[in-house]
N, C-alpha and C. Protein backbone atom coordinates (compact mmCIF):
# COMPACT_ATOMS: atom_id res chain seq x y z
N MET A 1 -14.49 -3.91 3.84
CA MET A 1 -13.57 -2.94 4.62
C MET A 1 -12.09 -3.52 4.09
N LYS A 2 -11.98 -4.95 3.99
CA LYS A 2 -10.71 -5.39 3.62
C LYS A 2 -10.10 -4.75 2.51
N LEU A 3 -10.77 -4.43 1.36
CA LEU A 3 -10.38 -3.97 0.11
C LEU A 3 -10.54 -2.48 -0.14
N SER A 4 -10.63 -1.79 1.08
CA SER A 4 -11.14 -0.27 1.21
C SER A 4 -9.76 0.39 0.58
N ILE A 5 -8.90 0.16 0.90
CA ILE A 5 -7.51 0.84 0.52
C ILE A 5 -7.35 0.60 -1.12
N ILE A 6 -7.54 -0.58 -1.52
CA ILE A 6 -7.20 -0.60 -2.93
C ILE A 6 -8.33 0.15 -3.75
N SER A 7 -9.61 -0.09 -3.27
CA SER A 7 -10.65 0.79 -3.93
C SER A 7 -10.59 2.04 -3.99
N LEU A 8 -9.94 2.69 -2.78
CA LEU A 8 -9.88 4.11 -2.76
C LEU A 8 -8.79 4.76 -3.58
N PHE A 9 -7.76 4.02 -3.80
CA PHE A 9 -6.57 4.27 -4.79
C PHE A 9 -7.18 4.29 -6.06
N LEU A 10 -7.86 3.15 -6.50
CA LEU A 10 -8.40 2.91 -7.92
C LEU A 10 -9.34 4.14 -8.23
N LEU A 11 -10.31 4.44 -7.27
CA LEU A 11 -11.15 5.43 -7.45
C LEU A 11 -10.54 6.82 -7.64
N LEU A 12 -9.30 7.22 -7.02
CA LEU A 12 -8.65 8.34 -7.03
C LEU A 12 -7.94 8.22 -8.40
N ALA A 13 -7.53 7.08 -8.93
CA ALA A 13 -6.78 6.89 -10.34
C ALA A 13 -7.82 7.32 -11.31
N ILE A 14 -9.09 6.79 -11.19
CA ILE A 14 -10.02 6.92 -12.22
C ILE A 14 -10.38 8.54 -12.36
N THR A 15 -10.92 9.29 -11.21
CA THR A 15 -11.13 10.38 -11.19
C THR A 15 -10.00 11.37 -11.80
N SER A 16 -8.87 10.90 -11.56
CA SER A 16 -7.65 11.75 -12.06
C SER A 16 -7.62 11.90 -13.56
N PHE A 17 -8.08 10.90 -14.40
CA PHE A 17 -8.19 10.61 -15.85
C PHE A 17 -8.64 11.92 -16.38
N SER A 18 -9.71 12.49 -15.73
CA SER A 18 -10.25 13.67 -16.45
C SER A 18 -9.29 15.06 -16.15
N GLN A 19 -8.69 14.77 -15.19
CA GLN A 19 -7.59 15.94 -14.85
C GLN A 19 -6.20 15.81 -15.16
N GLU A 20 -5.99 14.87 -16.04
CA GLU A 20 -4.71 14.56 -16.50
C GLU A 20 -4.16 15.60 -17.29
N ASN A 21 -2.77 15.85 -16.75
CA ASN A 21 -1.79 16.78 -17.60
C ASN A 21 -0.56 16.43 -17.45
N GLY A 22 -0.17 15.81 -18.84
CA GLY A 22 1.03 15.16 -18.89
C GLY A 22 1.32 13.99 -18.06
N PRO A 23 1.02 12.74 -18.40
CA PRO A 23 1.16 11.72 -17.58
C PRO A 23 2.72 11.53 -17.66
N SER A 24 3.12 10.83 -16.43
CA SER A 24 4.78 10.62 -16.17
C SER A 24 4.90 9.10 -16.08
N ASN A 25 5.99 8.47 -16.30
CA ASN A 25 6.66 7.29 -16.29
C ASN A 25 7.86 7.33 -15.51
N TYR A 26 7.69 6.43 -14.26
CA TYR A 26 8.92 6.22 -13.54
C TYR A 26 9.35 4.93 -13.31
N VAL A 27 10.70 4.97 -13.29
CA VAL A 27 11.13 3.68 -13.04
C VAL A 27 12.40 3.75 -11.88
N ASP A 28 12.08 3.03 -10.84
CA ASP A 28 12.87 3.09 -9.72
C ASP A 28 13.90 1.90 -9.50
N PHE A 29 15.01 2.10 -9.26
CA PHE A 29 16.00 1.14 -8.44
C PHE A 29 16.50 1.51 -7.13
N THR A 30 16.02 0.33 -6.30
CA THR A 30 16.12 0.68 -4.67
C THR A 30 16.77 -0.38 -4.10
N GLY A 31 17.57 -0.09 -2.99
CA GLY A 31 18.24 -1.09 -2.08
C GLY A 31 18.09 -0.78 -0.70
N ALA A 32 17.72 -1.61 -0.09
CA ALA A 32 17.30 -1.37 1.30
C ALA A 32 18.12 -2.25 2.27
N LEU A 33 18.60 -1.84 3.51
CA LEU A 33 19.04 -2.69 4.35
C LEU A 33 18.64 -2.44 5.96
N GLY A 34 18.65 -3.68 6.64
CA GLY A 34 18.59 -3.69 7.95
C GLY A 34 19.19 -4.73 8.65
N LYS A 35 18.68 -4.99 9.97
CA LYS A 35 19.69 -6.16 10.60
C LYS A 35 19.64 -7.48 10.10
N ASN A 36 20.58 -8.06 9.55
CA ASN A 36 20.66 -9.27 8.92
C ASN A 36 19.73 -9.60 8.03
N GLN A 37 19.31 -8.42 7.31
CA GLN A 37 18.22 -8.68 6.17
C GLN A 37 18.37 -7.44 5.04
N GLY A 38 17.80 -7.45 4.05
CA GLY A 38 17.82 -6.53 2.92
C GLY A 38 17.00 -6.82 1.83
N SER A 39 16.92 -5.93 0.88
CA SER A 39 16.15 -6.21 -0.26
C SER A 39 16.70 -5.03 -1.43
N VAL A 40 16.33 -5.62 -2.69
CA VAL A 40 16.61 -4.87 -3.86
C VAL A 40 15.19 -5.04 -4.50
N SER A 41 14.75 -3.88 -5.11
CA SER A 41 13.59 -3.87 -5.87
C SER A 41 13.74 -2.91 -7.20
N VAL A 42 12.79 -3.35 -8.36
CA VAL A 42 12.84 -2.40 -9.33
C VAL A 42 11.44 -2.14 -9.46
N ASP A 43 10.97 -1.09 -9.91
CA ASP A 43 9.49 -0.67 -10.11
C ASP A 43 9.34 0.35 -11.17
N TYR A 44 8.15 0.21 -11.70
CA TYR A 44 7.73 1.04 -12.65
C TYR A 44 6.20 1.61 -12.51
N PHE A 45 6.10 2.90 -12.52
CA PHE A 45 4.87 3.50 -12.31
C PHE A 45 4.38 4.46 -13.25
N HIS A 46 3.21 4.16 -13.89
CA HIS A 46 2.77 5.19 -14.90
C HIS A 46 1.77 6.15 -13.99
N LEU A 47 2.05 7.54 -13.91
CA LEU A 47 1.39 8.37 -13.19
C LEU A 47 0.67 9.53 -13.79
N TRP A 48 -0.70 9.65 -13.14
CA TRP A 48 -1.14 10.94 -13.58
C TRP A 48 -1.32 11.93 -12.78
N LYS A 49 -1.51 13.25 -13.10
CA LYS A 49 -1.28 14.33 -12.34
C LYS A 49 -2.71 14.99 -12.11
N ALA A 50 -2.94 15.40 -11.01
CA ALA A 50 -4.47 15.75 -10.56
C ALA A 50 -4.29 17.04 -9.71
N GLY A 51 -5.42 17.68 -9.54
CA GLY A 51 -5.44 18.88 -8.54
C GLY A 51 -5.19 20.15 -9.48
N LYS A 52 -5.54 21.33 -8.97
CA LYS A 52 -5.44 22.53 -9.80
C LYS A 52 -4.08 22.84 -10.15
N ALA A 53 -3.19 22.69 -9.21
CA ALA A 53 -1.75 22.99 -9.47
C ALA A 53 -0.95 21.65 -10.21
N LYS A 54 -1.79 20.66 -10.56
CA LYS A 54 -1.38 19.44 -10.99
C LYS A 54 0.22 18.91 -10.25
N LYS A 55 -0.11 18.90 -8.94
CA LYS A 55 1.35 18.51 -8.16
C LYS A 55 0.92 17.22 -7.56
N VAL A 56 -0.65 16.70 -7.45
CA VAL A 56 -0.78 15.28 -6.92
C VAL A 56 -0.51 14.31 -8.26
N GLU A 57 0.20 13.18 -7.67
CA GLU A 57 0.30 12.09 -8.64
C GLU A 57 -0.07 10.80 -8.29
N ILE A 58 -0.99 10.39 -9.13
CA ILE A 58 -1.63 9.05 -8.80
C ILE A 58 -1.34 8.17 -9.65
N GLY A 59 -1.05 6.87 -9.23
CA GLY A 59 -0.51 6.02 -10.32
C GLY A 59 -0.50 4.39 -10.20
N LEU A 60 -0.55 3.55 -11.17
CA LEU A 60 -0.47 2.31 -11.18
C LEU A 60 0.90 1.74 -11.75
N GLY A 61 1.46 0.73 -11.13
CA GLY A 61 2.51 -0.05 -11.92
C GLY A 61 2.80 -1.25 -11.42
N GLY A 62 4.07 -1.82 -11.61
CA GLY A 62 4.55 -3.19 -10.96
C GLY A 62 5.83 -3.02 -10.34
N ARG A 63 5.92 -3.92 -9.50
CA ARG A 63 7.29 -3.93 -8.73
C ARG A 63 7.77 -5.24 -8.36
N PHE A 64 9.29 -5.50 -8.92
CA PHE A 64 9.69 -6.89 -8.41
C PHE A 64 10.60 -6.50 -7.27
N THR A 65 10.35 -7.38 -6.23
CA THR A 65 11.31 -7.23 -5.07
C THR A 65 11.80 -8.49 -4.61
N SER A 66 13.23 -8.39 -4.23
CA SER A 66 14.04 -9.53 -3.94
C SER A 66 14.61 -9.30 -2.33
N TYR A 67 14.07 -10.18 -1.58
CA TYR A 67 14.51 -10.17 -0.06
C TYR A 67 15.31 -11.28 0.23
N PHE A 68 16.28 -10.57 0.97
CA PHE A 68 17.18 -11.79 1.77
C PHE A 68 17.38 -11.57 2.99
N GLY A 69 17.71 -12.70 4.00
CA GLY A 69 18.07 -12.52 5.26
C GLY A 69 18.66 -13.68 5.81
N SER A 70 19.22 -13.69 7.16
CA SER A 70 19.63 -14.86 7.85
C SER A 70 19.23 -14.73 9.10
N SER A 71 19.06 -15.93 9.74
CA SER A 71 18.41 -16.15 11.30
C SER A 71 17.20 -15.07 11.40
N GLN A 72 16.31 -15.20 10.57
CA GLN A 72 14.98 -14.54 10.76
C GLN A 72 13.79 -15.26 11.32
N TYR A 73 13.04 -14.67 12.30
CA TYR A 73 11.97 -15.40 12.72
C TYR A 73 10.63 -14.94 12.04
N TYR A 74 9.85 -15.80 11.61
CA TYR A 74 8.62 -15.42 11.06
C TYR A 74 7.41 -16.10 12.08
N SER A 75 6.55 -15.12 12.46
CA SER A 75 5.37 -15.32 13.31
C SER A 75 4.10 -15.90 12.53
N SER A 76 3.23 -16.52 13.17
CA SER A 76 1.95 -16.94 12.61
C SER A 76 1.41 -16.06 11.81
N ALA A 77 0.86 -16.26 10.48
CA ALA A 77 0.59 -15.10 9.77
C ALA A 77 -1.13 -14.86 9.56
N PRO A 78 -1.90 -15.82 9.83
CA PRO A 78 -3.43 -15.71 9.73
C PRO A 78 -3.96 -14.55 10.78
N ALA A 79 -4.87 -13.82 10.41
CA ALA A 79 -5.03 -12.61 11.30
C ALA A 79 -5.64 -13.12 12.57
N SER A 80 -6.08 -14.10 12.76
CA SER A 80 -6.83 -14.75 13.91
C SER A 80 -5.64 -15.05 15.04
N LEU A 81 -4.53 -15.28 14.40
CA LEU A 81 -3.42 -15.68 15.39
C LEU A 81 -2.39 -14.53 15.48
N ALA A 82 -2.16 -13.64 14.31
CA ALA A 82 -1.25 -12.78 14.55
C ALA A 82 -1.73 -11.58 15.43
N ALA A 83 -2.99 -11.16 15.60
CA ALA A 83 -3.41 -10.39 16.52
C ALA A 83 -3.35 -10.74 18.10
N ASP A 84 -2.97 -11.80 18.42
CA ASP A 84 -2.68 -12.11 19.73
C ASP A 84 -1.56 -13.04 19.88
N GLU A 85 -0.63 -12.40 20.71
CA GLU A 85 0.99 -12.73 20.74
C GLU A 85 0.72 -14.11 21.33
N SER A 86 -0.24 -14.38 22.25
CA SER A 86 -0.23 -15.59 22.98
C SER A 86 -0.70 -16.94 22.10
N LYS A 87 -1.36 -16.57 20.96
CA LYS A 87 -1.78 -17.52 19.99
C LYS A 87 -0.66 -17.77 18.60
N SER A 88 0.35 -16.84 18.83
CA SER A 88 1.27 -16.92 17.82
C SER A 88 2.46 -17.66 17.93
N ASP A 89 2.98 -18.62 17.13
CA ASP A 89 4.04 -19.53 17.05
C ASP A 89 5.16 -18.86 16.28
N SER A 90 6.23 -19.31 16.07
CA SER A 90 7.34 -18.92 15.22
C SER A 90 8.01 -20.03 14.28
N LEU A 91 8.48 -19.51 13.18
CA LEU A 91 9.37 -20.24 12.27
C LEU A 91 10.65 -19.58 12.24
N LEU A 92 11.60 -20.32 12.55
CA LEU A 92 12.94 -19.73 12.50
C LEU A 92 13.76 -20.26 11.12
N LEU A 93 14.20 -19.36 10.45
CA LEU A 93 14.78 -19.68 9.09
C LEU A 93 16.35 -19.23 9.22
N PRO A 94 17.28 -20.12 9.06
CA PRO A 94 18.75 -19.58 9.09
C PRO A 94 18.86 -18.65 7.75
N ILE A 95 18.22 -19.07 6.53
CA ILE A 95 18.64 -18.39 5.47
C ILE A 95 16.95 -18.22 4.85
N THR A 96 16.93 -16.90 4.41
CA THR A 96 15.67 -16.57 3.81
C THR A 96 15.90 -15.80 2.32
N GLN A 97 15.13 -16.26 1.38
CA GLN A 97 15.21 -15.47 -0.07
C GLN A 97 13.90 -15.49 -0.75
N VAL A 98 13.14 -14.39 -0.68
CA VAL A 98 11.94 -14.34 -1.24
C VAL A 98 11.83 -13.70 -2.45
N ASN A 99 11.32 -13.84 -3.66
CA ASN A 99 11.23 -12.99 -4.74
C ASN A 99 9.85 -12.51 -4.92
N ALA A 100 9.22 -11.52 -5.11
CA ALA A 100 7.89 -11.14 -5.43
C ALA A 100 7.73 -10.14 -6.39
N LEU A 101 6.74 -10.46 -7.23
CA LEU A 101 6.24 -9.59 -8.51
C LEU A 101 4.90 -9.39 -8.38
N ASN A 102 4.47 -7.85 -8.06
CA ASN A 102 3.34 -7.49 -7.65
C ASN A 102 2.92 -6.43 -8.44
N LEU A 103 1.33 -6.03 -8.69
CA LEU A 103 0.85 -4.77 -9.12
C LEU A 103 0.93 -3.80 -7.97
N ALA A 104 1.28 -2.69 -8.14
CA ALA A 104 1.51 -1.73 -7.11
C ALA A 104 0.45 -0.41 -7.29
N ILE A 105 0.19 0.31 -6.22
CA ILE A 105 -0.35 1.58 -6.37
C ILE A 105 0.45 2.63 -5.79
N HIS A 106 0.31 3.74 -6.38
CA HIS A 106 1.07 5.11 -5.99
C HIS A 106 0.16 6.25 -5.72
N LEU A 107 0.78 7.02 -4.52
CA LEU A 107 0.30 8.25 -4.38
C LEU A 107 1.38 9.10 -3.95
N GLY A 108 1.77 10.35 -4.77
CA GLY A 108 2.79 11.31 -4.58
C GLY A 108 2.30 12.72 -4.74
N TYR A 109 3.10 13.49 -4.15
CA TYR A 109 3.06 14.91 -3.98
C TYR A 109 4.24 15.74 -4.41
N ARG A 110 4.29 16.67 -5.70
CA ARG A 110 5.42 17.19 -5.94
C ARG A 110 5.44 18.67 -5.04
N LEU A 111 6.30 18.79 -4.17
CA LEU A 111 6.35 19.85 -3.28
C LEU A 111 6.90 21.11 -4.23
N SER A 112 7.98 20.89 -5.34
CA SER A 112 8.36 21.54 -6.04
C SER A 112 9.01 21.01 -7.33
N ALA A 113 9.60 21.65 -8.32
CA ALA A 113 10.20 21.03 -9.51
C ALA A 113 11.31 20.09 -9.06
N LYS A 114 11.91 20.28 -7.73
CA LYS A 114 13.25 19.58 -7.26
C LYS A 114 12.76 18.41 -6.40
N VAL A 115 11.60 18.67 -5.56
CA VAL A 115 11.41 17.80 -4.56
C VAL A 115 9.98 17.18 -4.56
N GLY A 116 9.92 15.96 -4.34
CA GLY A 116 8.61 15.23 -4.29
C GLY A 116 8.52 14.17 -3.08
N LEU A 117 7.44 13.94 -2.65
CA LEU A 117 7.35 12.87 -1.69
C LEU A 117 6.11 12.00 -1.84
N GLY A 118 5.88 10.86 -1.32
CA GLY A 118 4.78 10.06 -1.64
C GLY A 118 5.03 8.72 -0.88
N PHE A 119 3.96 7.82 -1.19
CA PHE A 119 3.88 6.63 -0.68
C PHE A 119 3.32 5.41 -1.82
N ASN A 120 3.91 4.33 -1.73
CA ASN A 120 3.09 3.30 -2.85
C ASN A 120 3.38 1.97 -2.01
N ILE A 121 2.50 1.14 -2.64
CA ILE A 121 2.11 -0.14 -1.94
C ILE A 121 1.87 -1.28 -2.72
N ASP A 122 2.34 -2.45 -2.78
CA ASP A 122 1.94 -3.63 -3.42
C ASP A 122 0.46 -4.01 -3.20
N ALA A 123 -0.27 -4.48 -4.09
CA ALA A 123 -1.57 -4.81 -4.11
C ALA A 123 -1.88 -6.27 -4.28
N ILE A 124 -1.42 -6.79 -5.42
CA ILE A 124 -1.60 -8.24 -5.88
C ILE A 124 -0.63 -8.76 -6.54
N GLY A 125 -0.17 -9.95 -6.42
CA GLY A 125 0.89 -10.62 -7.28
C GLY A 125 1.25 -11.99 -6.79
N PHE A 126 2.34 -12.46 -7.05
CA PHE A 126 2.79 -13.68 -6.84
C PHE A 126 4.18 -13.63 -6.20
N SER A 127 4.63 -14.76 -5.66
CA SER A 127 6.11 -14.84 -5.07
C SER A 127 6.74 -16.14 -5.22
N PHE A 128 7.91 -16.28 -5.37
CA PHE A 128 8.66 -17.54 -5.63
C PHE A 128 10.02 -17.42 -4.89
N GLY A 129 10.73 -18.75 -4.81
CA GLY A 129 11.72 -18.88 -4.01
C GLY A 129 12.15 -20.46 -3.66
N GLY A 130 13.34 -20.66 -3.12
CA GLY A 130 13.56 -21.90 -2.92
C GLY A 130 13.15 -22.34 -1.71
N LYS A 131 13.09 -23.66 -1.35
CA LYS A 131 12.69 -24.23 -0.20
C LYS A 131 13.78 -24.02 1.05
N GLN A 132 13.23 -23.70 2.16
CA GLN A 132 14.18 -23.45 3.21
C GLN A 132 14.15 -24.41 4.26
N ALA A 133 15.15 -24.81 4.97
CA ALA A 133 15.01 -25.74 6.21
C ALA A 133 15.00 -25.09 7.40
N GLY A 134 14.28 -24.99 8.47
CA GLY A 134 14.32 -24.18 9.40
C GLY A 134 13.71 -24.96 10.83
N SER A 135 13.29 -24.30 11.79
CA SER A 135 12.57 -24.78 13.13
C SER A 135 11.40 -24.04 13.36
N TYR A 136 10.37 -25.06 13.43
CA TYR A 136 9.00 -24.46 14.09
C TYR A 136 8.97 -24.53 15.60
N ILE A 137 8.66 -23.28 16.24
CA ILE A 137 9.05 -23.13 17.65
C ILE A 137 7.77 -22.92 18.29
N ASN A 138 7.35 -23.59 19.47
CA ASN A 138 6.23 -23.60 20.27
C ASN A 138 6.60 -23.69 21.55
N ASN A 139 6.33 -22.69 22.46
CA ASN A 139 6.76 -22.83 23.88
C ASN A 139 8.08 -23.14 24.07
N ASN A 140 9.04 -22.63 23.28
CA ASN A 140 10.48 -22.96 23.41
C ASN A 140 10.92 -24.18 23.06
N GLN A 141 9.99 -24.99 22.36
CA GLN A 141 10.26 -26.32 21.88
C GLN A 141 10.48 -26.09 20.49
N GLY A 142 11.68 -26.78 19.77
CA GLY A 142 11.74 -26.88 18.40
C GLY A 142 11.35 -28.07 17.58
N LEU A 143 10.88 -28.00 16.41
CA LEU A 143 10.73 -29.17 15.45
C LEU A 143 11.22 -28.43 14.19
N ALA A 144 11.89 -29.50 13.58
CA ALA A 144 12.41 -29.49 12.34
C ALA A 144 11.25 -29.07 11.17
N ALA A 145 11.46 -28.07 10.36
CA ALA A 145 10.37 -27.74 9.28
C ALA A 145 10.85 -27.23 8.07
N SER A 146 10.25 -27.65 7.01
CA SER A 146 10.69 -26.90 5.75
C SER A 146 9.67 -26.04 5.08
N ALA A 147 10.11 -25.00 4.50
CA ALA A 147 8.75 -23.83 4.03
C ALA A 147 9.33 -23.39 2.60
N LYS A 148 8.31 -22.99 1.82
CA LYS A 148 8.72 -22.18 0.56
C LYS A 148 7.92 -20.79 0.86
N PRO A 149 8.24 -19.86 -0.06
CA PRO A 149 7.63 -18.41 -0.09
C PRO A 149 6.05 -18.76 -0.44
N THR A 150 5.19 -18.13 0.19
CA THR A 150 3.82 -18.22 -0.16
C THR A 150 3.51 -17.80 -1.45
N ALA A 151 3.04 -18.38 -2.52
CA ALA A 151 2.80 -18.13 -3.81
C ALA A 151 1.90 -16.96 -4.01
N PHE A 152 0.97 -16.66 -3.44
CA PHE A 152 -0.08 -15.92 -3.78
C PHE A 152 0.06 -14.57 -2.81
N ASN A 153 0.15 -13.30 -3.37
CA ASN A 153 0.13 -12.31 -2.35
C ASN A 153 -0.97 -11.29 -2.86
N ILE A 154 -1.79 -10.65 -1.70
CA ILE A 154 -2.80 -9.88 -2.01
C ILE A 154 -2.91 -8.94 -0.79
N LEU A 155 -3.20 -7.59 -0.96
CA LEU A 155 -3.53 -6.76 0.10
C LEU A 155 -4.78 -6.80 0.59
N LEU A 156 -4.93 -6.95 1.98
CA LEU A 156 -6.12 -6.99 2.43
C LEU A 156 -6.23 -6.37 3.85
N VAL A 157 -5.30 -5.49 4.07
CA VAL A 157 -5.08 -4.44 5.13
C VAL A 157 -4.69 -5.25 6.53
N GLY A 158 -3.34 -4.82 7.07
CA GLY A 158 -2.90 -5.23 8.14
C GLY A 158 -2.61 -6.81 8.18
N ASN A 159 -3.20 -7.62 9.38
CA ASN A 159 -2.75 -8.94 9.42
C ASN A 159 -3.49 -9.67 8.48
N ASN A 160 -4.71 -9.15 7.69
CA ASN A 160 -5.52 -9.99 6.78
C ASN A 160 -4.69 -9.94 5.55
N ASP A 161 -3.42 -9.28 5.39
CA ASP A 161 -2.64 -9.65 4.02
C ASP A 161 -2.19 -11.01 3.93
N GLN A 162 -1.69 -11.32 2.70
CA GLN A 162 -1.53 -12.81 2.44
C GLN A 162 -0.29 -12.46 1.32
N GLY A 163 1.00 -13.13 1.80
CA GLY A 163 1.85 -13.34 0.97
C GLY A 163 3.01 -12.11 1.28
N SER A 164 3.73 -11.70 0.27
CA SER A 164 4.88 -11.00 0.52
C SER A 164 4.32 -9.58 -0.34
N LEU A 165 4.55 -8.52 0.47
CA LEU A 165 4.08 -7.16 -0.15
C LEU A 165 5.20 -5.98 0.40
N ASN A 166 5.47 -5.21 -0.53
CA ASN A 166 6.30 -4.28 -0.18
C ASN A 166 5.57 -2.87 -0.34
N SER A 167 5.83 -1.98 0.63
CA SER A 167 5.37 -0.63 0.64
C SER A 167 6.63 0.47 1.11
N GLU A 168 6.45 1.59 0.66
CA GLU A 168 7.52 2.64 0.98
C GLU A 168 6.85 3.96 1.05
N PHE A 169 7.42 4.69 2.24
CA PHE A 169 7.36 6.24 2.07
C PHE A 169 8.73 6.79 1.57
N TYR A 170 8.51 7.58 0.82
CA TYR A 170 9.85 8.25 0.32
C TYR A 170 9.81 9.97 0.06
N LEU A 171 11.07 10.06 -0.19
CA LEU A 171 11.21 11.65 -0.52
C LEU A 171 12.35 11.65 -1.67
N ARG A 172 12.06 12.31 -2.66
CA ARG A 172 12.85 12.50 -3.78
C ARG A 172 13.43 13.92 -4.11
N TYR A 173 14.69 14.03 -4.69
CA TYR A 173 15.36 15.06 -5.10
C TYR A 173 15.81 14.82 -6.47
N PHE A 174 15.21 15.88 -7.30
CA PHE A 174 15.77 15.68 -8.58
C PHE A 174 16.79 16.41 -8.83
N VAL A 175 17.98 15.78 -9.26
CA VAL A 175 19.31 16.45 -9.70
C VAL A 175 19.47 16.70 -11.02
N LYS A 176 18.28 16.14 -11.80
CA LYS A 176 18.19 16.81 -13.22
C LYS A 176 16.57 16.64 -13.17
N GLU A 177 16.00 17.18 -14.50
CA GLU A 177 14.57 17.22 -14.64
C GLU A 177 14.14 15.92 -14.74
N ASP A 178 14.78 14.59 -15.17
CA ASP A 178 14.39 13.34 -15.26
C ASP A 178 15.12 12.31 -14.42
N LEU A 179 15.78 12.95 -13.38
CA LEU A 179 16.64 11.90 -12.81
C LEU A 179 16.70 12.33 -11.14
N ALA A 180 16.22 11.51 -10.40
CA ALA A 180 16.28 11.93 -8.94
C ALA A 180 16.91 10.64 -8.02
N ILE A 181 17.35 11.29 -6.91
CA ILE A 181 17.67 10.24 -5.68
C ILE A 181 16.53 10.01 -4.86
N LYS A 182 16.39 8.90 -4.34
CA LYS A 182 15.24 8.55 -3.48
C LYS A 182 15.77 8.12 -2.14
N LEU A 183 15.20 8.75 -1.13
CA LEU A 183 15.35 8.20 0.18
C LEU A 183 14.12 7.65 0.92
N ALA A 184 14.10 6.50 1.33
CA ALA A 184 12.66 5.94 1.76
C ALA A 184 12.70 5.10 2.94
N TYR A 185 11.65 5.11 3.53
CA TYR A 185 11.48 3.97 4.59
C TYR A 185 10.56 2.96 4.05
N GLN A 186 11.15 1.66 4.00
CA GLN A 186 10.35 0.50 3.54
C GLN A 186 9.82 -0.30 4.50
N TYR A 187 8.56 -0.66 4.39
CA TYR A 187 7.89 -1.61 5.29
C TYR A 187 7.68 -3.17 4.31
N LEU A 188 8.14 -4.07 4.64
CA LEU A 188 7.96 -5.26 3.75
C LEU A 188 7.72 -6.55 4.44
N PHE A 189 6.46 -7.19 3.99
CA PHE A 189 6.06 -8.42 4.54
C PHE A 189 6.83 -9.36 3.44
N THR A 190 7.16 -10.47 4.11
CA THR A 190 7.50 -11.73 3.31
C THR A 190 7.02 -12.78 4.09
N GLU A 191 6.40 -13.72 3.51
CA GLU A 191 5.74 -14.89 4.14
C GLU A 191 6.02 -16.09 3.59
N TYR A 192 6.33 -17.24 4.54
CA TYR A 192 6.63 -18.58 3.90
C TYR A 192 5.33 -19.69 4.41
N THR A 193 5.20 -20.59 3.60
CA THR A 193 4.23 -21.60 3.99
C THR A 193 5.13 -22.99 4.28
N THR A 194 4.71 -23.57 5.39
CA THR A 194 5.43 -24.81 5.71
C THR A 194 4.87 -26.16 4.97
N ASP A 195 5.58 -27.08 4.63
CA ASP A 195 5.30 -28.15 4.04
C ASP A 195 4.04 -28.91 4.54
N THR A 196 3.90 -28.79 5.80
CA THR A 196 2.62 -29.12 6.78
C THR A 196 2.13 -28.32 7.70
N GLU A 197 0.98 -28.46 7.89
CA GLU A 197 0.29 -27.60 9.29
C GLU A 197 1.26 -27.84 10.38
N VAL A 198 2.27 -27.41 10.67
CA VAL A 198 3.17 -27.59 11.89
C VAL A 198 2.45 -27.05 13.13
N GLN A 199 1.48 -25.86 13.19
CA GLN A 199 0.87 -25.43 14.20
C GLN A 199 -0.30 -26.16 14.12
N GLN A 200 -0.80 -26.73 15.48
CA GLN A 200 -2.04 -27.14 15.52
C GLN A 200 -3.02 -26.54 16.64
N LEU A 201 -2.37 -25.57 17.61
CA LEU A 201 -3.20 -24.95 18.39
C LEU A 201 -2.91 -23.68 18.50
N PRO A 202 -3.83 -22.53 18.91
CA PRO A 202 -5.26 -23.06 18.84
C PRO A 202 -5.99 -23.21 17.59
N GLU A 203 -5.25 -23.18 16.43
CA GLU A 203 -5.90 -23.57 15.26
C GLU A 203 -4.66 -24.09 14.28
N VAL A 204 -5.04 -24.89 13.27
CA VAL A 204 -4.16 -25.34 12.48
C VAL A 204 -3.36 -24.06 11.72
N ASN A 205 -2.22 -24.29 11.18
CA ASN A 205 -1.58 -23.18 10.51
C ASN A 205 -0.34 -23.63 9.80
N ASP A 206 -0.16 -23.14 8.25
CA ASP A 206 1.20 -23.38 7.83
C ASP A 206 1.71 -22.25 7.20
N ARG A 207 1.17 -20.89 7.70
CA ARG A 207 1.66 -19.71 7.21
C ARG A 207 2.38 -18.90 8.19
N PHE A 208 3.47 -18.40 7.91
CA PHE A 208 4.45 -17.54 8.78
C PHE A 208 4.90 -16.19 8.09
N ARG A 209 4.79 -15.11 8.92
CA ARG A 209 5.31 -13.75 8.42
C ARG A 209 6.24 -13.19 9.13
N ASN A 210 7.30 -12.34 8.34
CA ASN A 210 8.12 -11.52 8.75
C ASN A 210 7.90 -10.01 8.38
N LYS A 211 7.95 -9.11 9.21
CA LYS A 211 7.85 -7.78 8.89
C LYS A 211 8.92 -7.03 9.21
N ALA A 212 9.48 -6.67 8.09
CA ALA A 212 10.76 -5.92 8.03
C ALA A 212 10.58 -4.35 7.80
N SER A 213 11.49 -3.64 8.82
CA SER A 213 11.38 -2.13 8.47
C SER A 213 12.86 -1.82 8.10
N LEU A 214 12.85 -1.26 6.81
CA LEU A 214 14.30 -0.95 6.23
C LEU A 214 14.33 0.42 5.80
N PHE A 215 15.43 0.94 5.81
CA PHE A 215 15.61 2.28 5.14
C PHE A 215 16.39 1.90 4.08
N SER A 216 16.19 2.69 2.77
CA SER A 216 16.50 2.40 1.59
C SER A 216 16.93 3.67 0.74
N LEU A 217 17.66 3.43 -0.28
CA LEU A 217 18.38 4.57 -1.20
C LEU A 217 18.06 3.93 -2.52
N GLY A 218 17.63 4.94 -3.51
CA GLY A 218 17.28 4.45 -4.86
C GLY A 218 17.36 5.57 -5.76
N ILE A 219 17.54 5.22 -7.00
CA ILE A 219 17.46 6.27 -8.02
C ILE A 219 16.28 5.98 -8.92
N THR A 220 15.78 7.24 -9.21
CA THR A 220 14.38 7.42 -10.07
C THR A 220 14.85 8.02 -11.45
N LYS A 221 14.26 7.21 -12.41
CA LYS A 221 14.42 7.82 -13.76
C LYS A 221 13.18 7.99 -14.36
N GLN A 222 12.67 9.37 -14.60
CA GLN A 222 11.46 9.79 -15.24
C GLN A 222 11.80 9.87 -16.57
N PHE A 223 10.47 9.38 -17.45
CA PHE A 223 10.55 9.70 -18.80
C PHE A 223 9.00 9.58 -19.48
């Protein structure tokens, strides 16, 4: 079940090959903002058109996301801890900066020649960034801790995810045949791994995750 979303999209993509009608290539430049945090991203998708009217767009591609923030709380990331707030501790980082390069999956629908909507999500990749000094917090007690972005990213659904993963729901308006403005809601996971297993109870843990909900604006170039 953990890989069901990835398997479903890949199956749809394979099925669409036989229904292909003029593949499209999209490049997006996107900026997102939230409280004391934000991101910039660049992605590329190769899309295939499916369905009778060829309005369904299924694709694969890659995305580079750079996330930055200040005074951000990261919570225990493993699913066994994240599912129960009483088991989850925190890592407070005064400065955060995570770069993620991931393979991504896309599903869209063209409502008309001018308007399209859809969803995309990172599936697997890696992250990098500098070490940050912060505080591990347990029962209102703080302990100095250092952490770096978790290196490996993989989509395993919900709290089972690992690393830094970007996803978005978007609406595009094409001002020209090959140029669009994109409005989107971005849901971005970033994750840090501490130098030591700072959390000991109810189990040892060194991974902490931040879930950011951001509104974004972008430009799409189709070719």
